[in-house]
Amino acid sequence: MATATRSGGFWHTYLSMDRPLFLLLTGQLISQTGENLYRVALLWFVSLSSHHVADMVIVGVLQTLPPLLFGGPGGVLLDRHDKKRIMIAVDLLRALGVLLIPLLAGLHLLTHTLLFVLVFLISALSGLFGPALSSILPMIVPREQLLRGNALLQTTGQAGLLAGPVIAGLLAVVWSASGEMLLTGVTFFLSAVILLFIRTPAATAPDLTLPAESPATPERPGMIEELAQGVRFVLAAPRPLLPAFLFMTLFGIVTGPINIMLLILSRHVLSRGAEGFGDLTGAFGAGMLLSTLLLTFYTPRNVIRFVAGGFALAGLLSFAVGETRSYSTDLGLFFFWGAAVNVVSPLSQTMIQHLTPRHLLARVLTVMSVGFLLGILLGILLFPTLSSTWGTRAVFGLMGTLLLVPLLALSAGSVIREVRKILFPFDASPENDRSSSSMHP
C-alpha cells in the first residue's frame, strides 16, 4: 500500500463525515467502552473470588476460543445475511448475557462453571461483531477513504479501550465488579439502538452480496466450500495478505494476555490493586488511541516497514519494562508501547478491504482473524504461566524479543536481496524489489 502522505486532521474528518459513518463510530465507541469495561470487570471479579492465576487464564481462553471454533461459519453467515441486523442481535444478546452475571451473583446462584459458560457464550457472540463491523464499513465509506475510515473506527475503538478500564478502575473503588457489569449491559443495549438508525445502500442488500443467479447457475455452494473460498484467497498464491496475517498473529500473541499481565503486575509486583490496574490499562489504551489518531491524517509510504518499525519500538519498550522499578515510568512505557504496537490494526484492515472482493470480505476477515486469535490463545497460555516461574518483568522481556522478529526478518531479507544483486546482477527483478517493500491496494 504505497500512497502519499495526506493531511486533514482528526476532528475535521470526524465532524465532516456522513451520518451513517458517524452513527457507526458512535455505536462502536459505546460498544467498545462496554466490552473493555466488561473484560476488566470480569478479570477483577474472578481475581476477587479466586486467588489462582489459572482461573484468570481459563477466562482468557474462554474469551478467545469461541471465535476460533465458530469464526469460519460466522464469516459465511455474515456474507449470506444482513450484517447490520446481525450486529444488532449480537449487541442485544451480549447485553442479556452480561446482565445475567450480576443477577445470578446477587441471587447466590453463580458458580464458577456457570460463569465460564456465560463467558464462553458472550465471547461467541462477540466473535461475530468484529468481522461484521469491518465488512459494513466499505458499504458506507468510499474506497479512497477506507484507511481514514478504518483509522477512525480504530480510534473510537481505542477510545473505548481507554475509557473502559479507566471507568472500571474508578468503579472498582466506589462500586463493585457486579455494578460494572450492569453498566456494561446498558452500553451494549445503547449500541444496538444506535445501529438501528444506520442506513446502508440498497446495492449492498444481503441478496446482492453474491452474483445474481440464473436458472442455469449452479446452486449456492455449501458452508464448507464457501469457507474454503475464503481460506484459499488468503493462503493460496500469490498470498498478498500473508504479511498482514503474520503481523496480526504476532499482535495477538503480545496483546492478547496484556490485561492479565497488567493485573499481575499491579497486584503482585507494584502492590497497586484495582486502581493501579486501571491506570496501567488506561495508559496502554491511550497509547493505542494515539497511533490510530495519527493514521487518520497520515498514510505511511511503506506499510510493511512502518509496522515492523512500530513492533521493534514496542519491543525495546518492553525490554525497558523488564528493567524499571518505577510505577510512573511503567505508565509512560506502556503508553508508548501501546502506540507503537497498534499501528498494525487499521493498516491491516485497510489492506484486507482493498484486496478482497466484497462478496468474500466477511469470510476473509474471519480467516485472517484466525491467526490473531491463535496468537491471543498462545499468549494467554504462555505468558501468565511463565510469570509465576520467570517473574513478571522477565516475561515482558520475552515479549520484547518476539516484537523484534519482523524487523530482523526484513533486514535479513534486504541483505539477501542485495547479495543476490551483486552475485547475479542480470537476474534481479525490479518488480520483485518494489513489491517486497510496499503493498498496493
Protein backbone atom coordinates (compact mmCIF):
# COMPACT_ATOMS: atom_id res chain seq x y z
CA MET A 1 0.00 0.00 0.00
CA ALA A 2 2.15 2.81 -1.26
CA THR A 3 0.38 6.15 -1.16
CA ALA A 4 1.29 9.72 -0.47
CA THR A 5 1.02 11.25 2.95
CA ARG A 6 -2.23 13.13 3.41
CA SER A 7 -3.37 15.66 5.95
CA GLY A 8 -6.77 16.66 7.16
CA GLY A 9 -6.91 16.27 10.89
CA PHE A 10 -8.99 14.02 13.08
CA TRP A 11 -11.66 16.49 14.15
CA HIS A 12 -12.17 17.84 10.62
CA THR A 13 -12.70 14.28 9.41
CA TYR A 14 -14.93 13.34 12.34
CA LEU A 15 -17.17 16.40 12.14
CA SER A 16 -17.50 16.35 8.33
CA MET A 17 -18.33 12.66 7.95
CA ASP A 18 -21.60 11.27 6.62
CA ARG A 19 -24.38 10.35 9.03
CA PRO A 20 -24.06 6.54 8.60
CA LEU A 21 -20.35 6.63 9.44
CA PHE A 22 -20.97 8.97 12.37
CA LEU A 23 -23.59 6.60 13.78
CA LEU A 24 -21.36 3.57 13.20
CA LEU A 25 -18.46 5.22 15.03
CA THR A 26 -20.69 6.40 17.89
CA GLY A 27 -22.07 2.91 18.32
CA GLN A 28 -18.56 1.49 18.16
CA LEU A 29 -17.39 3.90 20.86
CA ILE A 30 -20.21 2.90 23.22
CA SER A 31 -19.91 -0.81 22.43
CA GLN A 32 -16.12 -0.89 22.83
CA THR A 33 -16.33 1.04 26.09
CA GLY A 34 -18.76 -1.57 27.37
CA GLU A 35 -16.72 -4.51 26.07
CA ASN A 36 -13.49 -3.31 27.67
CA LEU A 37 -15.30 -2.40 30.87
CA TYR A 38 -16.64 -5.97 30.86
CA ARG A 39 -13.20 -7.53 30.26
CA VAL A 40 -11.59 -5.63 33.13
CA ALA A 41 -14.57 -6.13 35.45
CA LEU A 42 -14.64 -9.84 34.66
CA LEU A 43 -10.95 -10.29 35.46
CA TRP A 44 -11.36 -8.33 38.69
CA PHE A 45 -14.49 -10.33 39.56
CA VAL A 46 -12.56 -13.61 39.10
CA SER A 47 -9.47 -12.35 40.93
CA LEU A 48 -11.59 -11.44 43.97
CA SER A 49 -13.36 -14.79 44.05
CA SER A 50 -10.26 -16.87 43.32
CA HIS A 51 -6.59 -16.39 44.17
CA HIS A 52 -5.41 -18.70 41.38
CA VAL A 53 -3.86 -17.29 38.20
CA ALA A 54 -5.17 -20.42 36.47
CA ASP A 55 -8.77 -19.17 36.80
CA MET A 56 -7.87 -15.92 35.04
CA VAL A 57 -6.13 -17.94 32.32
CA ILE A 58 -9.30 -20.04 31.90
CA VAL A 59 -11.35 -16.87 31.50
CA GLY A 60 -8.87 -15.57 28.92
CA VAL A 61 -9.02 -18.83 26.97
CA LEU A 62 -12.83 -18.88 27.08
CA GLN A 63 -12.89 -15.36 25.66
CA THR A 64 -10.65 -16.45 22.77
CA LEU A 65 -11.71 -19.99 21.94
CA PRO A 66 -15.28 -19.41 20.62
CA PRO A 67 -14.22 -17.10 17.74
CA LEU A 68 -11.67 -19.74 16.75
CA LEU A 69 -14.30 -22.50 16.80
CA PHE A 70 -17.13 -20.57 15.18
CA GLY A 71 -15.34 -17.83 13.25
CA GLY A 72 -15.39 -19.68 9.91
CA PRO A 73 -19.14 -20.46 9.91
CA GLY A 74 -19.71 -16.96 11.26
CA GLY A 75 -17.95 -15.42 8.25
CA VAL A 76 -20.14 -17.43 5.88
CA LEU A 77 -23.21 -16.33 7.84
CA LEU A 78 -22.19 -12.68 7.56
CA ASP A 79 -21.59 -12.93 3.81
CA ARG A 80 -25.03 -14.52 3.34
CA HIS A 81 -27.16 -12.22 5.53
CA ASP A 82 -27.70 -8.61 6.58
CA LYS A 83 -24.64 -7.60 8.62
CA LYS A 84 -26.37 -4.72 10.38
CA ARG A 85 -29.15 -6.94 11.72
CA ILE A 86 -26.60 -9.47 12.94
CA MET A 87 -24.69 -6.72 14.79
CA ILE A 88 -27.89 -5.52 16.47
CA ALA A 89 -28.79 -9.06 17.53
CA VAL A 90 -25.26 -9.63 18.87
CA ASP A 91 -25.38 -6.46 20.99
CA LEU A 92 -28.79 -7.33 22.46
CA LEU A 93 -27.77 -10.90 23.29
CA ARG A 94 -24.46 -9.73 24.80
CA ALA A 95 -26.37 -7.27 26.96
CA LEU A 96 -28.58 -10.10 28.22
CA GLY A 97 -25.62 -12.41 28.88
CA VAL A 98 -23.59 -9.81 30.78
CA LEU A 99 -26.58 -8.74 32.88
CA LEU A 100 -27.15 -12.35 33.91
CA ILE A 101 -23.78 -12.45 35.69
CA PRO A 102 -24.54 -9.86 38.43
CA LEU A 103 -28.16 -11.05 38.61
CA LEU A 104 -27.15 -14.65 39.33
CA ALA A 105 -24.37 -13.49 41.66
CA GLY A 106 -26.88 -11.42 43.63
CA LEU A 107 -29.12 -14.46 43.95
CA HIS A 108 -26.12 -16.59 45.03
CA LEU A 109 -26.69 -18.88 42.05
CA LEU A 110 -23.50 -18.07 40.15
CA THR A 111 -20.98 -20.91 40.26
CA HIS A 112 -17.59 -20.87 38.53
CA THR A 113 -18.90 -23.37 35.97
CA LEU A 114 -21.94 -21.25 35.15
CA LEU A 115 -19.74 -18.14 34.92
CA PHE A 116 -17.42 -19.89 32.47
CA VAL A 117 -20.40 -20.96 30.34
CA LEU A 118 -21.70 -17.37 30.18
CA VAL A 119 -18.22 -16.06 29.31
CA PHE A 120 -18.00 -18.63 26.50
CA LEU A 121 -21.40 -17.65 25.06
CA ILE A 122 -20.72 -13.90 25.27
CA SER A 123 -17.38 -14.41 23.54
CA ALA A 124 -19.01 -16.49 20.78
CA LEU A 125 -21.35 -13.58 20.08
CA SER A 126 -18.54 -11.02 20.19
CA GLY A 127 -16.65 -13.05 17.58
CA LEU A 128 -19.32 -12.11 15.03
CA PHE A 129 -19.30 -8.39 15.81
CA GLY A 130 -15.74 -7.50 14.69
CA PRO A 131 -15.91 -9.03 11.17
CA ALA A 132 -19.40 -7.58 10.69
CA LEU A 133 -18.13 -4.12 11.65
CA SER A 134 -15.19 -4.29 9.22
CA SER A 135 -17.44 -5.72 6.47
CA ILE A 136 -20.05 -2.99 6.75
CA LEU A 137 -17.52 -0.13 6.59
CA PRO A 138 -16.87 -0.40 2.79
CA MET A 139 -20.63 -0.12 2.28
CA ILE A 140 -20.72 3.41 3.72
CA VAL A 141 -17.19 4.74 3.02
CA PRO A 142 -15.67 5.45 -0.44
CA ARG A 143 -12.77 3.21 -1.41
CA GLU A 144 -10.22 6.03 -1.37
CA GLN A 145 -11.25 6.90 2.20
CA LEU A 146 -11.01 3.38 3.64
CA LEU A 147 -7.75 3.92 5.53
CA ARG A 148 -9.13 7.03 7.14
CA GLY A 149 -12.39 5.24 7.91
CA ASN A 150 -10.52 2.32 9.46
CA ALA A 151 -8.34 4.69 11.46
CA LEU A 152 -11.45 6.47 12.75
CA LEU A 153 -13.03 3.12 13.56
CA GLN A 154 -9.89 2.03 15.40
CA THR A 155 -9.71 5.43 17.12
CA THR A 156 -13.20 5.12 18.56
CA GLY A 157 -12.39 1.51 19.46
CA GLN A 158 -9.23 2.59 21.25
CA ALA A 159 -11.14 5.40 22.95
CA GLY A 160 -13.42 2.66 24.28
CA LEU A 161 -10.36 0.62 25.22
CA LEU A 162 -9.11 3.63 27.15
CA ALA A 163 -12.43 4.61 28.73
CA GLY A 164 -13.45 1.08 29.73
CA PRO A 165 -10.50 0.31 32.04
CA VAL A 166 -10.47 3.84 33.48
CA ILE A 167 -14.17 3.61 34.32
CA ALA A 168 -13.63 0.10 35.66
CA GLY A 169 -10.78 1.30 37.87
CA LEU A 170 -12.85 4.13 39.29
CA LEU A 171 -15.93 1.98 39.84
CA ALA A 172 -13.85 -0.75 41.49
CA VAL A 173 -13.05 1.74 44.24
CA VAL A 174 -16.58 3.12 44.79
CA TRP A 175 -18.78 0.29 43.49
CA SER A 176 -18.31 -3.41 42.64
CA ALA A 177 -17.48 -5.71 39.76
CA SER A 178 -21.17 -6.66 39.57
CA GLY A 179 -22.11 -2.99 39.24
CA GLU A 180 -19.59 -2.62 36.42
CA MET A 181 -21.25 -5.47 34.56
CA LEU A 182 -24.65 -3.84 34.93
CA LEU A 183 -23.23 -0.76 33.24
CA THR A 184 -21.71 -2.96 30.53
CA GLY A 185 -25.12 -4.42 29.69
CA VAL A 186 -26.52 -0.91 29.30
CA THR A 187 -23.74 0.07 26.85
CA PHE A 188 -24.43 -2.96 24.63
CA PHE A 189 -28.13 -2.09 24.57
CA LEU A 190 -27.39 1.55 23.60
CA SER A 191 -25.07 0.36 20.83
CA ALA A 192 -27.88 -1.79 19.39
CA VAL A 193 -30.29 1.18 19.43
CA ILE A 194 -27.80 3.38 17.53
CA LEU A 195 -27.18 0.69 14.91
CA LEU A 196 -30.92 0.67 14.15
CA PHE A 197 -30.62 4.14 12.58
CA ILE A 198 -27.78 3.29 10.16
CA ARG A 199 -28.90 3.08 6.55
CA THR A 200 -26.79 1.05 4.11
CA PRO A 201 -27.04 1.46 0.32
CA ALA A 202 -29.65 -0.66 -1.40
CA ALA A 203 -26.93 -2.22 -3.57
CA THR A 204 -25.45 -3.88 -0.53
CA ALA A 205 -28.59 -5.75 0.48
CA PRO A 206 -27.98 -9.34 1.50
CA ASP A 207 -29.46 -10.85 -1.66
CA LEU A 208 -26.91 -8.93 -3.77
CA THR A 209 -23.76 -9.94 -1.93
CA LEU A 210 -23.36 -12.89 -4.33
CA PRO A 211 -23.54 -12.73 -8.14
CA ALA A 212 -27.06 -12.90 -9.48
CA GLU A 213 -28.19 -16.40 -10.22
CA SER A 214 -29.88 -17.55 -13.41
CA PRO A 215 -31.77 -20.79 -13.91
CA ALA A 216 -28.60 -22.32 -15.37
CA THR A 217 -26.42 -21.19 -12.48
CA PRO A 218 -25.44 -23.92 -10.01
CA GLU A 219 -26.91 -23.78 -6.54
CA ARG A 220 -25.11 -21.89 -3.79
CA PRO A 221 -22.13 -23.94 -2.53
CA GLY A 222 -22.29 -25.42 0.93
CA MET A 223 -20.87 -23.74 4.01
CA ILE A 224 -17.63 -25.74 3.91
CA GLU A 225 -16.98 -24.78 0.28
CA GLU A 226 -17.78 -21.12 0.95
CA LEU A 227 -15.39 -21.15 3.90
CA ALA A 228 -12.74 -22.84 1.72
CA GLN A 229 -13.05 -19.96 -0.76
CA GLY A 230 -12.00 -17.52 1.95
CA VAL A 231 -9.13 -19.74 3.09
CA ARG A 232 -7.84 -20.12 -0.49
CA PHE A 233 -7.97 -16.37 -1.04
CA VAL A 234 -5.74 -15.77 2.00
CA LEU A 235 -3.32 -18.70 1.73
CA ALA A 236 -3.14 -19.60 -1.97
CA ALA A 237 -0.56 -17.92 -4.24
CA PRO A 238 0.20 -15.05 -4.68
CA ARG A 239 -0.77 -14.57 -0.98
CA PRO A 240 -0.96 -10.74 -0.91
CA LEU A 241 -2.49 -10.84 2.59
CA LEU A 242 0.17 -13.08 4.15
CA PRO A 243 2.19 -10.19 5.68
CA ALA A 244 -0.97 -8.85 7.34
CA PHE A 245 -1.81 -12.37 8.57
CA LEU A 246 1.62 -12.79 10.19
CA PHE A 247 1.61 -9.29 11.69
CA MET A 248 -1.83 -9.82 13.23
CA THR A 249 -0.74 -13.18 14.66
CA LEU A 250 2.20 -11.57 16.44
CA PHE A 251 -0.04 -8.70 17.53
CA GLY A 252 -2.37 -11.25 19.14
CA ILE A 253 0.48 -13.04 20.92
CA VAL A 254 1.74 -9.92 22.67
CA THR A 255 -1.52 -8.02 23.26
CA GLY A 256 -3.90 -10.92 23.99
CA PRO A 257 -2.62 -11.53 27.53
CA ILE A 258 -1.84 -7.87 28.26
CA ASN A 259 -4.78 -7.33 30.65
CA ILE A 260 -3.83 -10.42 32.66
CA MET A 261 -0.17 -9.38 32.72
CA LEU A 262 -1.05 -5.85 33.84
CA LEU A 263 -3.31 -7.22 36.55
CA ILE A 264 -0.49 -9.47 37.80
CA LEU A 265 1.96 -6.57 37.59
CA SER A 266 -0.36 -4.25 39.53
CA ARG A 267 -1.38 -6.70 42.26
CA HIS A 268 1.71 -8.81 42.82
CA VAL A 269 4.64 -6.61 41.75
CA LEU A 270 3.58 -2.98 42.23
CA SER A 271 1.01 -3.62 45.02
CA ARG A 272 -1.31 -1.04 43.44
CA GLY A 273 -4.51 -3.11 43.32
CA ALA A 274 -7.54 -2.16 41.22
CA GLU A 275 -6.58 1.49 40.85
CA GLY A 276 -3.13 0.61 39.53
CA PHE A 277 -4.62 -1.95 37.16
CA GLY A 278 -6.99 0.68 35.77
CA ASP A 279 -4.14 3.19 35.38
CA LEU A 280 -1.86 0.74 33.56
CA THR A 281 -4.55 -0.47 31.17
CA GLY A 282 -5.65 3.13 30.66
CA ALA A 283 -2.10 4.19 29.75
CA PHE A 284 -1.82 1.29 27.32
CA GLY A 285 -5.17 2.15 25.74
CA ALA A 286 -4.26 5.85 25.50
CA GLY A 287 -1.15 4.91 23.55
CA MET A 288 -3.17 2.76 21.17
CA LEU A 289 -5.55 5.68 20.70
CA LEU A 290 -2.62 7.94 19.80
CA SER A 291 -1.46 5.71 16.94
CA THR A 292 -4.93 5.45 15.39
CA LEU A 293 -5.34 9.23 15.64
CA LEU A 294 -2.07 9.57 13.73
CA LEU A 295 -3.34 7.33 10.94
CA THR A 296 -6.49 9.42 10.43
CA PHE A 297 -4.34 12.02 8.63
CA TYR A 298 -1.07 10.20 7.82
CA THR A 299 -0.62 7.35 5.34
CA PRO A 300 2.79 5.62 5.52
CA ARG A 301 4.51 5.08 2.17
CA ASN A 302 5.72 1.60 3.11
CA VAL A 303 3.25 -0.27 5.27
CA ILE A 304 5.37 -3.36 5.99
CA ARG A 305 8.39 -1.41 7.19
CA PHE A 306 6.21 1.03 9.11
CA VAL A 307 4.53 -1.80 11.05
CA ALA A 308 7.80 -3.67 11.58
CA GLY A 309 9.37 -0.47 12.92
CA GLY A 310 6.45 0.05 15.28
CA PHE A 311 6.78 -3.51 16.56
CA ALA A 312 10.52 -3.06 17.06
CA LEU A 313 9.97 0.14 19.07
CA ALA A 314 7.39 -1.69 21.20
CA GLY A 315 9.94 -4.47 21.71
CA LEU A 316 12.54 -2.04 23.05
CA LEU A 317 9.95 -0.51 25.36
CA SER A 318 9.00 -3.98 26.56
CA PHE A 319 12.66 -4.59 27.48
CA ALA A 320 12.56 -1.32 29.43
CA VAL A 321 9.50 -2.53 31.37
CA GLY A 322 11.57 -5.53 32.39
CA GLU A 323 14.26 -3.28 33.84
CA THR A 324 12.39 -0.41 35.51
CA ARG A 325 11.13 -0.48 39.09
CA SER A 326 9.14 2.77 38.96
CA TYR A 327 5.34 2.84 38.73
CA SER A 328 5.26 6.23 36.99
CA THR A 329 7.89 5.04 34.50
CA ASP A 330 5.82 1.94 33.82
CA LEU A 331 2.82 4.13 32.97
CA GLY A 332 4.86 6.07 30.41
CA LEU A 333 6.39 2.94 28.92
CA PHE A 334 3.02 1.25 28.46
CA PHE A 335 1.62 4.40 26.85
CA PHE A 336 4.27 4.39 24.11
CA TRP A 337 4.24 0.57 23.95
CA GLY A 338 0.55 0.63 23.05
CA ALA A 339 1.07 3.40 20.47
CA ALA A 340 3.93 1.58 18.75
CA VAL A 341 2.35 -1.87 18.50
CA ASN A 342 -1.15 -0.78 17.48
CA VAL A 343 -0.23 0.74 14.10
CA VAL A 344 -0.87 -2.70 12.61
CA SER A 345 -4.64 -2.68 13.21
CA PRO A 346 -6.03 -0.01 10.84
CA LEU A 347 -3.37 -0.70 8.21
CA SER A 348 -4.11 -4.42 8.09
CA GLN A 349 -7.87 -3.84 7.95
CA THR A 350 -7.42 -1.43 5.05
CA MET A 351 -5.24 -3.92 3.16
CA ILE A 352 -7.89 -6.61 3.55
CA GLN A 353 -10.72 -4.33 2.41
CA HIS A 354 -8.74 -3.11 -0.62
CA LEU A 355 -7.61 -6.52 -1.81
CA THR A 356 -10.71 -8.64 -1.10
CA PRO A 357 -13.83 -8.88 -3.30
CA ARG A 358 -16.92 -7.63 -1.50
CA HIS A 359 -18.73 -10.99 -1.55
CA LEU A 360 -15.74 -12.67 0.18
CA LEU A 361 -14.94 -9.95 2.69
CA ALA A 362 -16.50 -11.36 5.87
CA ARG A 363 -15.03 -14.81 5.21
CA VAL A 364 -11.56 -13.42 4.55
CA LEU A 365 -11.78 -11.27 7.67
CA THR A 366 -12.66 -14.30 9.79
CA VAL A 367 -9.86 -16.36 8.20
CA MET A 368 -7.42 -13.53 8.88
CA SER A 369 -8.67 -13.33 12.45
CA VAL A 370 -7.73 -16.99 13.00
CA GLY A 371 -4.06 -16.05 13.15
CA PHE A 372 -4.84 -13.18 15.52
CA LEU A 373 -6.96 -15.39 17.78
CA LEU A 374 -4.43 -18.23 17.76
CA GLY A 375 -1.84 -15.66 18.77
CA ILE A 376 -4.06 -14.46 21.63
CA LEU A 377 -4.63 -18.03 22.78
CA LEU A 378 -0.91 -18.82 22.68
CA GLY A 379 -0.04 -15.62 24.55
CA ILE A 380 -2.66 -16.24 27.24
CA LEU A 381 -1.49 -19.81 27.79
CA LEU A 382 2.21 -18.89 27.75
CA PHE A 383 2.96 -15.55 29.38
CA PRO A 384 0.83 -15.56 32.58
CA THR A 385 2.05 -19.09 33.34
CA LEU A 386 5.67 -18.11 32.80
CA SER A 387 5.25 -15.08 35.05
CA SER A 388 4.87 -17.37 38.08
CA THR A 389 8.23 -19.05 37.38
CA TRP A 390 10.31 -16.47 35.50
CA GLY A 391 8.88 -13.33 37.07
CA THR A 392 6.53 -10.79 35.53
CA ARG A 393 9.16 -8.37 34.26
CA ALA A 394 11.19 -11.17 32.67
CA VAL A 395 8.11 -12.15 30.67
CA PHE A 396 7.85 -8.61 29.29
CA GLY A 397 11.45 -9.05 28.15
CA LEU A 398 10.40 -12.18 26.24
CA MET A 399 7.60 -10.20 24.60
CA GLY A 400 10.17 -7.63 23.54
CA THR A 401 12.27 -10.31 21.86
CA LEU A 402 9.30 -11.52 19.82
CA LEU A 403 8.43 -7.99 18.73
CA LEU A 404 11.89 -7.52 17.22
CA VAL A 405 11.47 -10.53 14.89
CA PRO A 406 9.68 -8.73 11.98
CA LEU A 407 12.33 -6.01 11.69
CA LEU A 408 15.14 -8.57 11.91
CA ALA A 409 13.43 -10.68 9.23
CA LEU A 410 13.03 -7.66 6.93
CA SER A 411 16.66 -6.68 7.49
CA ALA A 412 17.83 -10.20 6.70
CA GLY A 413 15.67 -10.25 3.57
CA SER A 414 17.15 -6.93 2.41
CA VAL A 415 20.68 -8.24 2.92
CA ILE A 416 19.89 -11.41 0.95
CA ARG A 417 18.45 -9.38 -1.93
CA GLU A 418 21.49 -7.11 -2.05
CA VAL A 419 23.83 -10.10 -2.08
CA ARG A 420 21.84 -11.68 -4.92
CA LYS A 421 22.08 -8.45 -6.90
CA ILE A 422 25.85 -8.49 -6.51
CA LEU A 423 26.26 -12.18 -7.33
CA PHE A 424 23.55 -12.42 -10.01
CA PRO A 425 23.10 -8.87 -11.39
CA PHE A 426 21.18 -9.99 -14.50
CA ASP A 427 18.60 -11.97 -12.52
CA ALA A 428 17.50 -9.08 -10.27
CA SER A 429 13.84 -8.18 -10.77
CA PRO A 430 12.85 -4.53 -10.14
CA GLU A 431 9.22 -5.56 -9.84
CA ASN A 432 10.03 -8.01 -7.06
CA ASP A 433 12.10 -5.40 -5.25
CA ARG A 434 9.25 -2.93 -5.34
CA SER A 435 6.66 -5.46 -4.26
CA SER A 436 8.76 -6.51 -1.28
CA SER A 437 8.86 -3.01 0.12
CA SER A 438 5.30 -1.81 -0.44
CA MET A 439 1.73 -3.03 -0.65
CA HIS A 440 -0.51 -1.76 -3.44
CA PRO A 441 -4.24 -1.92 -2.79
